[in-house]
Structure formats: structure tokens, C-alpha cells
């Protein structure tokens, strides 16, 4: 387990079944309302969002990012810590 995935998230956002750009848009809106240091867990099954747009957004913002792929479900648990 990584550093972020071992923490209890402050909030969980379920974007399962949503395709780009919705996971990114909803993640941005949720993070805007969160405080510095809080961790958001995003449940996502859109490969383009999980492997491209969300990591790029987090990096651009300077947020900590960790992705855990659930092979069996074909989804990701994405952890983003707002700075």
C-alpha cells in the first residue's frame, strides 16, 4: 500500500460509469471545496481519466496523487491529497 491509500480519505467521489470529461470536472469541483491536506478518494472506471487526465491535473496543481488499479473490477481507486 502506498502513502495516500493507507490513509482514511476525508471524502469519496464515485464517478463509476462516467466518461471524460465528467470524472475530471467532478473531481475538480470536489477538491475546490476541500481543505489543504485533505485526501479525496475517487472511484473511477474510465481508463482515459484514471491514467491520463486525473494524474495530469493533480501534477499540474501540485497535489499528491496515487492510483490503485482493481484488476478484477476493471476500475481504479484514485487518491488525491490537496496541498
Protein backbone atom coordinates (compact mmCIF):
# COMPACT_ATOMS: atom_id res chain seq x y z
CA UNK A 1 0.00 0.00 0.00
CA UNK A 2 1.13 3.49 -0.77
CA UNK A 3 1.30 6.55 1.41
CA UNK A 4 -2.09 8.01 0.42
CA UNK A 5 -4.02 4.76 0.01
CA UNK A 6 -3.14 3.78 3.57
CA UNK A 7 -4.90 6.91 4.88
CA UNK A 8 -8.62 7.18 5.51
CA UNK A 9 -9.96 9.56 2.85
CA UNK A 10 -11.78 12.69 4.00
CA UNK A 11 -14.21 12.31 1.13
CA UNK A 12 -15.07 9.71 -1.55
CA UNK A 13 -16.28 10.59 -5.04
CA UNK A 14 -17.92 7.85 -7.13
CA UNK A 15 -17.63 8.51 -10.87
CA UNK A 16 -18.09 4.87 -11.93
CA UNK A 17 -19.87 4.69 -15.27
CA UNK A 18 -18.95 8.27 -16.17
CA UNK A 19 -16.73 9.05 -19.15
CA UNK A 20 -14.45 12.00 -19.89
CA UNK A 21 -14.68 14.82 -19.08
CA UNK A 22 -17.06 14.15 -16.16
CA UNK A 23 -14.62 12.39 -13.79
CA UNK A 24 -12.17 15.29 -14.11
CA UNK A 25 -14.84 18.01 -13.82
CA UNK A 26 -16.44 16.41 -10.76
CA UNK A 27 -13.03 15.80 -9.15
CA UNK A 28 -12.04 19.46 -9.65
CA UNK A 29 -15.32 20.69 -8.13
CA UNK A 30 -14.97 18.39 -5.14
CA UNK A 31 -11.34 19.34 -4.49
CA UNK A 32 -12.20 23.06 -4.64
CA UNK A 33 -14.46 22.57 -1.61
CA UNK A 34 -11.87 20.59 0.36
CA UNK A 35 -9.24 21.94 2.71
CA UNK A 36 -5.48 21.76 2.36
CA UNK A 37 -4.07 18.38 3.40
CA UNK A 38 -7.37 16.54 2.93
CA UNK A 39 -7.48 13.34 0.88
CA UNK A 40 -10.07 12.62 -1.81
CA UNK A 41 -10.69 9.05 -2.97
CA UNK A 42 -12.11 8.83 -6.50
CA UNK A 43 -13.74 5.59 -7.69
CA UNK A 44 -13.25 5.56 -11.46
CA UNK A 45 -13.64 3.03 -14.28
CA UNK A 46 -12.76 5.31 -17.22
CA UNK A 47 -9.20 4.46 -18.33
CA UNK A 48 -8.62 7.84 -20.00
CA UNK A 49 -9.48 9.65 -16.78
CA UNK A 50 -7.67 7.29 -14.41
CA UNK A 51 -4.47 7.03 -16.45
CA UNK A 52 -4.29 10.43 -18.12
CA UNK A 53 -6.46 13.41 -17.20
CA UNK A 54 -6.64 12.96 -13.41
CA UNK A 55 -2.89 12.32 -12.90
CA UNK A 56 -2.03 15.28 -15.17
CA UNK A 57 -4.43 17.56 -13.32
CA UNK A 58 -3.05 16.55 -9.91
CA UNK A 59 0.54 17.07 -11.10
CA UNK A 60 -0.27 20.47 -12.58
CA UNK A 61 -1.88 21.55 -9.29
CA UNK A 62 1.00 20.18 -7.21
CA UNK A 63 -1.28 17.69 -5.43
CA UNK A 64 -0.08 14.29 -4.20
CA UNK A 65 -1.53 11.52 -6.36
CA UNK A 66 -1.78 7.77 -6.06
CA UNK A 67 -3.69 5.29 -8.19
CA UNK A 68 -4.58 1.72 -7.23
CA UNK A 69 -5.95 -0.44 -10.04
CA UNK A 70 -8.55 -3.08 -9.15
CA UNK A 71 -7.93 -5.63 -11.91
CA UNK A 72 -10.97 -7.75 -11.04
CA UNK A 73 -13.44 -4.86 -11.29
CA UNK A 74 -11.63 -3.00 -14.08
CA UNK A 75 -11.62 0.17 -12.01
CA UNK A 76 -9.26 2.40 -10.06
CA UNK A 77 -9.17 3.84 -6.57
CA UNK A 78 -7.51 7.20 -7.05
CA UNK A 79 -6.21 9.14 -4.07
CA UNK A 80 -5.51 12.86 -4.36
CA UNK A 81 -4.23 14.95 -1.46
CA UNK A 82 -4.88 18.65 -1.79
CA UNK A 83 -1.94 20.86 -0.88
